[in-house]
Amino acid sequence: MMWDVAGTPAGFLVVPNELQDKIVQAGYPDPNIARAIPPALAYGLLLAILGKRSLYLTGDRNVWDARWGELPTAH
């Protein structure tokens, strides 16, 4: 997660190169487009489920909105 130039929180998906073309050819939206956080998370989850792959969430903790709930801290 990061802030885009307009100051709005945006999500970006990082997809393995070998899947990038397959995703677009299958008619799914390009994962490299910045999206609002909720749609980015939903799309990432969809791709992980369809591809039977793990989904990893990373980002800048400073961007996390407290209204979304508590962000756990790794120990």
Protein backbone atom coordinates (compact mmCIF):
# COMPACT_ATOMS: atom_id res chain seq x y z
CA MET A 1 0.00 0.00 0.00
CA MET A 2 1.24 3.46 -0.72
CA TRP A 3 -0.02 6.96 -1.33
CA ASP A 4 -0.45 7.92 -4.92
CA VAL A 5 0.32 11.42 -6.17
CA ALA A 6 -3.17 12.68 -5.36
CA GLY A 7 -2.75 11.72 -1.69
CA THR A 8 -5.23 8.85 -1.91
CA PRO A 9 -4.28 5.44 -0.55
CA ALA A 10 -3.64 3.12 -3.45
CA GLY A 11 -2.92 -0.58 -3.75
CA PHE A 12 -0.63 -2.19 -6.27
CA LEU A 13 -0.45 -5.90 -7.02
CA VAL A 14 2.88 -7.55 -7.68
CA VAL A 15 2.27 -10.60 -9.85
CA PRO A 16 4.96 -13.09 -10.90
CA ASN A 17 6.12 -12.35 -14.46
CA GLU A 18 5.05 -15.78 -15.70
CA LEU A 19 1.45 -14.98 -14.68
CA GLN A 20 1.22 -11.38 -15.87
CA ASP A 21 0.51 -12.17 -19.52
CA LYS A 22 -1.79 -15.09 -18.68
CA ILE A 23 -3.93 -12.84 -16.47
CA VAL A 24 -4.36 -10.20 -19.17
CA GLN A 25 -4.91 -12.80 -21.93
CA ALA A 26 -7.64 -14.43 -19.80
CA GLY A 27 -9.49 -11.10 -19.84
CA TYR A 28 -8.79 -10.04 -16.26
CA PRO A 29 -7.84 -6.41 -15.58
CA ASP A 30 -4.15 -5.56 -15.61
CA PRO A 31 -2.88 -6.10 -12.06
CA ASN A 32 -0.26 -3.33 -12.43
CA ILE A 33 -2.87 -0.56 -12.27
CA ALA A 34 -3.14 1.41 -9.01
CA ARG A 35 -6.46 0.78 -7.28
CA ALA A 36 -8.11 1.92 -4.09
CA ILE A 37 -7.10 -0.35 -1.20
CA PRO A 38 -10.36 -2.41 -0.93
CA PRO A 39 -10.52 -3.31 -4.65
CA ALA A 40 -6.77 -4.03 -4.73
CA LEU A 41 -7.12 -6.44 -1.80
CA ALA A 42 -10.17 -8.09 -3.36
CA TYR A 43 -8.48 -8.50 -6.73
CA GLY A 44 -5.33 -9.86 -5.11
CA LEU A 45 -7.39 -12.39 -3.17
CA LEU A 46 -9.27 -13.42 -6.34
CA LEU A 47 -6.03 -13.96 -8.28
CA ALA A 48 -4.50 -15.92 -5.39
CA ILE A 49 -7.55 -18.20 -5.18
CA LEU A 50 -7.82 -18.73 -8.94
CA GLY A 51 -4.08 -19.34 -9.26
CA LYS A 52 -3.91 -21.50 -6.12
CA ARG A 53 -1.07 -19.32 -4.83
CA SER A 54 -0.26 -17.55 -1.60
CA LEU A 55 -1.24 -13.92 -1.11
CA TYR A 56 1.25 -11.75 0.77
CA LEU A 57 0.32 -8.30 2.00
CA THR A 58 3.06 -5.74 2.43
CA GLY A 59 3.08 -2.00 2.67
CA ASP A 60 3.85 1.14 4.57
CA ARG A 61 2.38 0.98 8.09
CA ASN A 62 2.05 4.78 8.03
CA VAL A 63 -0.62 4.48 5.32
CA TRP A 64 -2.88 2.16 7.31
CA ASP A 65 -6.15 3.86 8.26
CA ALA A 66 -7.17 3.08 11.87
CA ARG A 67 -10.80 2.81 10.71
CA TRP A 68 -9.82 -0.43 8.93
CA GLY A 69 -9.00 -2.11 12.27
CA GLU A 70 -5.85 -2.85 14.21
CA LEU A 71 -2.79 -3.82 12.20
CA PRO A 72 -0.94 -6.65 13.97
CA THR A 73 2.75 -6.23 14.70
CA ALA A 74 5.19 -8.98 13.71
CA HIS A 75 7.52 -10.05 16.50
